[in-house]
All heavy atoms as atom14 arrays in JSON, in Angstrom:
{
  "sequence": "VHVRPMTRAEYDLWQSRLAEDYAAEQVSAGRWDAE",
  "atom14_mask": [
    [1, 1, 1, 1, 1, 1, 1, 0, 0, 0, 0, 0, 0, 0],
    [1, 1, 1, 1, 1, 1, 1, 1, 1, 1, 0, 0, 0, 0],
    [1, 1, 1, 1, 1, 1, 1, 0, 0, 0, 0, 0, 0, 0],
    [1, 1, 1, 1, 1, 1, 1, 1, 1, 1, 1, 0, 0, 0],
    [1, 1, 1, 1, 1, 1, 1, 0, 0, 0, 0, 0, 0, 0],
    [1, 1, 1, 1, 1, 1, 1, 1, 0, 0, 0, 0, 0, 0],
    [1, 1, 1, 1, 1, 1, 1, 0, 0, 0, 0, 0, 0, 0],
    [1, 1, 1, 1, 1, 1, 1, 1, 1, 1, 1, 0, 0, 0],
    [1, 1, 1, 1, 1, 0, 0, 0, 0, 0, 0, 0, 0, 0],
    [1, 1, 1, 1, 1, 1, 1, 1, 1, 0, 0, 0, 0, 0],
    [1, 1, 1, 1, 1, 1, 1, 1, 1, 1, 1, 1, 0, 0],
    [1, 1, 1, 1, 1, 1, 1, 1, 0, 0, 0, 0, 0, 0],
    [1, 1, 1, 1, 1, 1, 1, 1, 0, 0, 0, 0, 0, 0],
    [1, 1, 1, 1, 1, 1, 1, 1, 1, 1, 1, 1, 1, 1],
    [1, 1, 1, 1, 1, 1, 1, 1, 1, 0, 0, 0, 0, 0],
    [1, 1, 1, 1, 1, 1, 0, 0, 0, 0, 0, 0, 0, 0],
    [1, 1, 1, 1, 1, 1, 1, 1, 1, 1, 1, 0, 0, 0],
    [1, 1, 1, 1, 1, 1, 1, 1, 0, 0, 0, 0, 0, 0],
    [1, 1, 1, 1, 1, 0, 0, 0, 0, 0, 0, 0, 0, 0],
    [1, 1, 1, 1, 1, 1, 1, 1, 1, 0, 0, 0, 0, 0],
    [1, 1, 1, 1, 1, 1, 1, 1, 0, 0, 0, 0, 0, 0],
    [1, 1, 1, 1, 1, 1, 1, 1, 1, 1, 1, 1, 0, 0],
    [1, 1, 1, 1, 1, 0, 0, 0, 0, 0, 0, 0, 0, 0],
    [1, 1, 1, 1, 1, 0, 0, 0, 0, 0, 0, 0, 0, 0],
    [1, 1, 1, 1, 1, 1, 1, 1, 1, 0, 0, 0, 0, 0],
    [1, 1, 1, 1, 1, 1, 1, 1, 1, 0, 0, 0, 0, 0],
    [1, 1, 1, 1, 1, 1, 1, 0, 0, 0, 0, 0, 0, 0],
    [1, 1, 1, 1, 1, 1, 0, 0, 0, 0, 0, 0, 0, 0],
    [1, 1, 1, 1, 1, 0, 0, 0, 0, 0, 0, 0, 0, 0],
    [1, 1, 1, 1, 0, 0, 0, 0, 0, 0, 0, 0, 0, 0],
    [1, 1, 1, 1, 1, 1, 1, 1, 1, 1, 1, 0, 0, 0],
    [1, 1, 1, 1, 1, 1, 1, 1, 1, 1, 1, 1, 1, 1],
    [1, 1, 1, 1, 1, 1, 1, 1, 0, 0, 0, 0, 0, 0],
    [1, 1, 1, 1, 1, 0, 0, 0, 0, 0, 0, 0, 0, 0],
    [1, 1, 1, 1, 1, 1, 1, 1, 1, 0, 0, 0, 0, 0]
  ],
  "atom14_positions": [
    [[-54.13, -62.04, -201.71], [-53.43, -60.77, -201.69], [-51.95, -61.1, -201.45], [-51.61, -61.9, -200.58], [-53.95, -59.85, -200.57], [-53.11, -58.58, -200.47], [-55.42, -59.49, -200.8], [0.0, 0.0, 0.0], [0.0, 0.0, 0.0], [0.0, 0.0, 0.0], [0.0, 0.0, 0.0], [0.0, 0.0, 0.0], [0.0, 0.0, 0.0], [0.0, 0.0, 0.0]],
    [[-51.11, -60.49, -202.25], [-49.67, -60.67, -202.12], [-49.04, -59.37, -201.63], [-49.66, -58.29, -201.73], [-49.06, -61.06, -203.47], [-49.74, -62.21, -204.1], [-49.47, -63.52, -203.75], [-50.71, -62.3, -205.03], [-50.23, -64.35, -204.43], [-50.99, -63.63, -205.24], [0.0, 0.0, 0.0], [0.0, 0.0, 0.0], [0.0, 0.0, 0.0], [0.0, 0.0, 0.0]],
    [[-47.86, -59.43, -201.11], [-47.14, -58.21, -200.69], [-45.9, -58.05, -201.55], [-45.31, -59.01, -202.01], [-46.76, -58.25, -199.21], [-47.99, -58.18, -198.33], [-45.89, -59.42, -198.83], [0.0, 0.0, 0.0], [0.0, 0.0, 0.0], [0.0, 0.0, 0.0], [0.0, 0.0, 0.0], [0.0, 0.0, 0.0], [0.0, 0.0, 0.0], [0.0, 0.0, 0.0]],
    [[-45.55, -56.79, -201.78], [-44.34, -56.44, -202.46], [-43.77, -55.18, -201.81], [-44.53, -54.43, -201.15], [-44.58, -56.22, -203.94], [-45.49, -55.04, -204.27], [-45.33, -54.58, -205.7], [-46.31, -53.58, -206.09], [-46.23, -52.28, -205.77], [-45.24, -51.83, -205.02], [-47.16, -51.45, -206.18], [0.0, 0.0, 0.0], [0.0, 0.0, 0.0], [0.0, 0.0, 0.0]],
    [[-42.49, -54.95, -201.97], [-41.92, -53.73, -201.4], [-42.55, -52.48, -202.06], [-42.88, -52.48, -203.25], [-40.43, -53.8, -201.75], [-40.18, -55.24, -202.01], [-41.45, -55.78, -202.57], [0.0, 0.0, 0.0], [0.0, 0.0, 0.0], [0.0, 0.0, 0.0], [0.0, 0.0, 0.0], [0.0, 0.0, 0.0], [0.0, 0.0, 0.0], [0.0, 0.0, 0.0]],
    [[-42.73, -51.43, -201.27], [-43.26, -50.19, -201.75], [-42.18, -49.51, -202.64], [-40.99, -49.56, -202.29], [-43.61, -49.29, -200.58], [-44.42, -48.05, -200.93], [-44.85, -47.08, -199.44], [-46.16, -48.07, -198.75], [0.0, 0.0, 0.0], [0.0, 0.0, 0.0], [0.0, 0.0, 0.0], [0.0, 0.0, 0.0], [0.0, 0.0, 0.0], [0.0, 0.0, 0.0]],
    [[-42.58, -48.89, -203.75], [-41.62, -48.17, -204.58], [-41.32, -46.83, -203.94], [-42.05, -46.36, -203.03], [-42.2, -47.91, -205.99], [-43.31, -47.02, -205.88], [-42.63, -49.23, -206.66], [0.0, 0.0, 0.0], [0.0, 0.0, 0.0], [0.0, 0.0, 0.0], [0.0, 0.0, 0.0], [0.0, 0.0, 0.0], [0.0, 0.0, 0.0], [0.0, 0.0, 0.0]],
    [[-40.25, -46.18, -204.42], [-39.9, -44.85, -203.87], [-41.0, -43.83, -204.12], [-41.3, -43.01, -203.28], [-38.59, -44.37, -204.43], [-37.41, -45.14, -203.9], [-36.09, -44.58, -204.41], [-35.01, -45.49, -204.12], [-34.37, -45.59, -202.93], [-34.76, -44.81, -201.94], [-33.41, -46.45, -202.77], [0.0, 0.0, 0.0], [0.0, 0.0, 0.0], [0.0, 0.0, 0.0]],
    [[-41.62, -43.87, -205.3], [-42.71, -42.93, -205.62], [-43.91, -43.17, -204.69], [-44.51, -42.22, -204.18], [-43.12, -43.07, -207.09], [0.0, 0.0, 0.0], [0.0, 0.0, 0.0], [0.0, 0.0, 0.0], [0.0, 0.0, 0.0], [0.0, 0.0, 0.0], [0.0, 0.0, 0.0], [0.0, 0.0, 0.0], [0.0, 0.0, 0.0], [0.0, 0.0, 0.0]],
    [[-44.25, -44.44, -204.49], [-45.34, -44.76, -203.56], [-44.99, -44.33, -202.14], [-45.85, -43.82, -201.42], [-45.61, -46.27, -203.57], [-46.24, -46.77, -204.83], [-46.27, -48.3, -204.92], [-45.39, -48.96, -204.31], [-47.17, -48.82, -205.59], [0.0, 0.0, 0.0], [0.0, 0.0, 0.0], [0.0, 0.0, 0.0], [0.0, 0.0, 0.0], [0.0, 0.0, 0.0]],
    [[-43.73, -44.5, -201.76], [-43.28, -44.14, -200.43], [-43.46, -42.64, -200.2], [-43.97, -42.22, -199.13], [-41.8, -44.51, -200.27], [-41.23, -44.1, -198.91], [-41.38, -44.93, -197.82], [-40.56, -42.92, -198.77], [-40.86, -44.56, -196.58], [-40.04, -42.55, -197.53], [-40.18, -43.35, -196.45], [-39.68, -43.0, -195.22], [0.0, 0.0, 0.0], [0.0, 0.0, 0.0]],
    [[-43.06, -41.8, -201.16], [-43.17, -40.35, -201.0], [-44.64, -39.95, -200.79], [-44.96, -39.14, -199.9], [-42.59, -39.63, -202.19], [-41.09, -39.76, -202.29], [-40.44, -40.08, -201.26], [-40.54, -39.57, -203.39], [0.0, 0.0, 0.0], [0.0, 0.0, 0.0], [0.0, 0.0, 0.0], [0.0, 0.0, 0.0], [0.0, 0.0, 0.0], [0.0, 0.0, 0.0]],
    [[-45.54, -40.49, -201.57], [-46.96, -40.19, -201.43], [-47.49, -40.69, -200.08], [-48.22, -39.99, -199.38], [-47.77, -40.83, -202.59], [-49.27, -40.61, -202.56], [-49.63, -39.13, -202.61], [-49.92, -41.36, -203.71], [0.0, 0.0, 0.0], [0.0, 0.0, 0.0], [0.0, 0.0, 0.0], [0.0, 0.0, 0.0], [0.0, 0.0, 0.0], [0.0, 0.0, 0.0]],
    [[-47.1, -41.9, -199.73], [-47.55, -42.49, -198.46], [-47.06, -41.67, -197.26], [-47.82, -41.43, -196.34], [-47.01, -43.93, -198.38], [-47.17, -44.58, -197.06], [-48.34, -44.94, -196.4], [-46.11, -44.99, -196.16], [-48.06, -45.52, -195.18], [-46.7, -45.56, -195.04], [-44.72, -44.91, -196.25], [-45.96, -46.07, -193.96], [-43.98, -45.39, -195.2], [-44.58, -45.96, -194.08]],
    [[-45.82, -41.18, -197.3], [-45.3, -40.41, -196.18], [-46.11, -39.14, -195.94], [-46.35, -38.78, -194.79], [-43.82, -40.04, -196.41], [-42.88, -41.13, -196.01], [-42.96, -41.41, -194.53], [-42.57, -40.6, -193.69], [-43.44, -42.6, -194.18], [0.0, 0.0, 0.0], [0.0, 0.0, 0.0], [0.0, 0.0, 0.0], [0.0, 0.0, 0.0], [0.0, 0.0, 0.0]],
    [[-46.51, -38.49, -197.02], [-47.35, -37.25, -196.84], [-48.67, -37.59, -196.2], [-49.08, -36.93, -195.25], [-47.6, -36.61, -198.21], [-46.4, -36.17, -198.77], [0.0, 0.0, 0.0], [0.0, 0.0, 0.0], [0.0, 0.0, 0.0], [0.0, 0.0, 0.0], [0.0, 0.0, 0.0], [0.0, 0.0, 0.0], [0.0, 0.0, 0.0], [0.0, 0.0, 0.0]],
    [[-49.35, -38.63, -196.7], [-50.63, -39.03, -196.14], [-50.48, -39.55, -194.71], [-51.31, -39.28, -193.86], [-51.28, -40.08, -197.02], [-51.84, -39.51, -198.31], [-52.61, -40.48, -199.15], [-52.96, -41.7, -198.54], [-53.08, -42.85, -199.2], [-52.85, -42.92, -200.5], [-53.44, -43.97, -198.6], [0.0, 0.0, 0.0], [0.0, 0.0, 0.0], [0.0, 0.0, 0.0]],
    [[-49.44, -40.33, -194.49], [-49.22, -40.93, -193.17], [-49.06, -39.85, -192.11], [-49.68, -39.93, -191.05], [-47.98, -41.84, -193.19], [-47.6, -42.47, -191.87], [-48.65, -43.48, -191.42], [-46.23, -43.14, -192.0], [0.0, 0.0, 0.0], [0.0, 0.0, 0.0], [0.0, 0.0, 0.0], [0.0, 0.0, 0.0], [0.0, 0.0, 0.0], [0.0, 0.0, 0.0]],
    [[-48.25, -38.84, -192.38], [-48.01, -37.78, -191.41], [-49.31, -37.03, -191.1], [-49.62, -36.74, -189.95], [-46.92, -36.83, -191.88], [0.0, 0.0, 0.0], [0.0, 0.0, 0.0], [0.0, 0.0, 0.0], [0.0, 0.0, 0.0], [0.0, 0.0, 0.0], [0.0, 0.0, 0.0], [0.0, 0.0, 0.0], [0.0, 0.0, 0.0], [0.0, 0.0, 0.0]],
    [[-50.07, -36.73, -192.15], [-51.33, -36.01, -191.96], [-52.31, -36.83, -191.14], [-52.94, -36.31, -190.22], [-51.94, -35.66, -193.32], [-51.17, -34.6, -194.05], [-51.63, -34.44, -195.5], [-52.62, -35.09, -195.91], [-50.99, -33.66, -196.24], [0.0, 0.0, 0.0], [0.0, 0.0, 0.0], [0.0, 0.0, 0.0], [0.0, 0.0, 0.0], [0.0, 0.0, 0.0]],
    [[-52.47, -38.1, -191.47], [-53.41, -38.99, -190.76], [-52.95, -39.2, -189.31], [-53.79, -39.16, -188.4], [-53.5, -40.33, -191.47], [-54.2, -40.24, -192.82], [-54.79, -39.19, -193.12], [-54.13, -41.24, -193.57], [0.0, 0.0, 0.0], [0.0, 0.0, 0.0], [0.0, 0.0, 0.0], [0.0, 0.0, 0.0], [0.0, 0.0, 0.0], [0.0, 0.0, 0.0]],
    [[-51.65, -39.43, -189.1], [-51.15, -39.66, -187.77], [-51.32, -38.43, -186.88], [-51.76, -38.53, -185.73], [-49.67, -40.09, -187.84], [-49.05, -40.46, -186.53], [-49.63, -41.39, -185.67], [-47.84, -39.88, -186.14], [-49.03, -41.75, -184.48], [-47.23, -40.25, -184.94], [-47.84, -41.15, -184.13], [-47.24, -41.49, -182.93], [0.0, 0.0, 0.0], [0.0, 0.0, 0.0]],
    [[-51.03, -37.27, -187.45], [-51.2, -36.03, -186.69], [-52.67, -35.84, -186.3], [-52.97, -35.52, -185.15], [-50.72, -34.84, -187.52], [0.0, 0.0, 0.0], [0.0, 0.0, 0.0], [0.0, 0.0, 0.0], [0.0, 0.0, 0.0], [0.0, 0.0, 0.0], [0.0, 0.0, 0.0], [0.0, 0.0, 0.0], [0.0, 0.0, 0.0], [0.0, 0.0, 0.0]],
    [[-53.58, -36.08, -187.24], [-55.0, -35.91, -186.96], [-55.47, -36.89, -185.87], [-56.26, -36.52, -185.0], [-55.81, -36.11, -188.23], [0.0, 0.0, 0.0], [0.0, 0.0, 0.0], [0.0, 0.0, 0.0], [0.0, 0.0, 0.0], [0.0, 0.0, 0.0], [0.0, 0.0, 0.0], [0.0, 0.0, 0.0], [0.0, 0.0, 0.0], [0.0, 0.0, 0.0]],
    [[-54.97, -38.15, -185.93], [-55.34, -39.12, -184.92], [-54.84, -38.71, -183.52], [-55.57, -38.84, -182.53], [-54.78, -40.5, -185.25], [-55.46, -41.15, -186.42], [-54.76, -42.43, -186.89], [-53.57, -42.62, -186.59], [-55.41, -43.21, -187.6], [0.0, 0.0, 0.0], [0.0, 0.0, 0.0], [0.0, 0.0, 0.0], [0.0, 0.0, 0.0], [0.0, 0.0, 0.0]],
    [[-53.64, -38.2, -183.45], [-53.08, -37.77, -182.18], [-53.83, -36.58, -181.62], [-54.06, -36.49, -180.41], [-51.58, -37.45, -182.33], [-50.73, -38.65, -182.65], [-50.64, -39.65, -181.53], [-51.06, -39.43, -180.41], [-50.06, -40.81, -181.83], [0.0, 0.0, 0.0], [0.0, 0.0, 0.0], [0.0, 0.0, 0.0], [0.0, 0.0, 0.0], [0.0, 0.0, 0.0]],
    [[-54.21, -35.64, -182.48], [-54.98, -34.47, -182.02], [-56.37, -34.93, -181.55], [-56.84, -34.54, -180.49], [-55.1, -33.43, -183.16], [-56.11, -32.36, -182.79], [-53.73, -32.81, -183.43], [0.0, 0.0, 0.0], [0.0, 0.0, 0.0], [0.0, 0.0, 0.0], [0.0, 0.0, 0.0], [0.0, 0.0, 0.0], [0.0, 0.0, 0.0], [0.0, 0.0, 0.0]],
    [[-57.01, -35.8, -182.33], [-58.33, -36.3, -182.0], [-58.32, -37.05, -180.65], [-59.26, -36.96, -179.87], [-58.84, -37.23, -183.1], [-60.08, -37.77, -182.75], [0.0, 0.0, 0.0], [0.0, 0.0, 0.0], [0.0, 0.0, 0.0], [0.0, 0.0, 0.0], [0.0, 0.0, 0.0], [0.0, 0.0, 0.0], [0.0, 0.0, 0.0], [0.0, 0.0, 0.0]],
    [[-57.24, -37.79, -180.41], [-57.1, -38.54, -179.15], [-56.73, -37.64, -177.99], [-56.67, -38.09, -176.85], [-56.06, -39.62, -179.31], [0.0, 0.0, 0.0], [0.0, 0.0, 0.0], [0.0, 0.0, 0.0], [0.0, 0.0, 0.0], [0.0, 0.0, 0.0], [0.0, 0.0, 0.0], [0.0, 0.0, 0.0], [0.0, 0.0, 0.0], [0.0, 0.0, 0.0]],
    [[-56.45, -36.36, -178.25], [-56.11, -35.43, -177.17], [-54.65, -35.56, -176.73], [-54.31, -35.06, -175.65], [0.0, 0.0, 0.0], [0.0, 0.0, 0.0], [0.0, 0.0, 0.0], [0.0, 0.0, 0.0], [0.0, 0.0, 0.0], [0.0, 0.0, 0.0], [0.0, 0.0, 0.0], [0.0, 0.0, 0.0], [0.0, 0.0, 0.0], [0.0, 0.0, 0.0]],
    [[-53.82, -36.16, -177.54], [-52.42, -36.38, -177.14], [-51.49, -35.27, -177.61], [-50.46, -35.06, -177.03], [-51.95, -37.73, -177.65], [-52.77, -38.88, -177.05], [-52.33, -40.2, -177.53], [-51.02, -40.46, -176.96], [-50.27, -41.48, -177.28], [-50.7, -42.34, -178.2], [-49.1, -41.69, -176.72], [0.0, 0.0, 0.0], [0.0, 0.0, 0.0], [0.0, 0.0, 0.0]],
    [[-51.83, -34.61, -178.74], [-50.99, -33.57, -179.3], [-51.8, -32.3, -179.56], [-52.99, -32.34, -179.8], [-50.4, -34.03, -180.63], [-49.36, -35.1, -180.55], [-48.87, -35.74, -179.46], [-48.71, -35.71, -181.67], [-47.96, -36.67, -179.79], [-47.83, -36.69, -181.17], [-48.78, -35.55, -183.03], [-47.01, -37.5, -181.94], [-47.97, -36.33, -183.84], [-47.09, -37.27, -183.32]],
    [[-51.07, -31.2, -179.59], [-51.61, -29.89, -179.92], [-51.77, -29.78, -181.44], [-50.85, -30.14, -182.2], [-50.68, -28.81, -179.39], [-51.13, -27.41, -179.68], [-52.29, -27.1, -179.37], [-50.33, -26.63, -180.24], [0.0, 0.0, 0.0], [0.0, 0.0, 0.0], [0.0, 0.0, 0.0], [0.0, 0.0, 0.0], [0.0, 0.0, 0.0], [0.0, 0.0, 0.0]],
    [[-52.86, -29.26, -181.92], [-53.16, -29.19, -183.34], [-52.12, -28.35, -184.12], [-51.77, -28.68, -185.24], [-54.54, -28.62, -183.59], [0.0, 0.0, 0.0], [0.0, 0.0, 0.0], [0.0, 0.0, 0.0], [0.0, 0.0, 0.0], [0.0, 0.0, 0.0], [0.0, 0.0, 0.0], [0.0, 0.0, 0.0], [0.0, 0.0, 0.0], [0.0, 0.0, 0.0]],
    [[-51.63, -27.29, -183.5], [-50.7, -26.42, -184.21], [-49.35, -27.05, -184.54], [-48.71, -26.69, -185.51], [-50.45, -25.11, -183.4], [-51.64, -24.19, -183.35], [-52.75, -24.66, -182.4], [-52.42, -25.23, -181.34], [-53.93, -24.51, -182.76], [0.0, 0.0, 0.0], [0.0, 0.0, 0.0], [0.0, 0.0, 0.0], [0.0, 0.0, 0.0], [0.0, 0.0, 0.0]]
  ]
}
């Protein structure tokens, strides 16, 4: 497996998923309010 820099298009998609996943993990862990 090799690594390469993420493209801008990949970055935009990743940011949307990352925020959703991170928010869900924080809520599940009881650290943040769901709203």
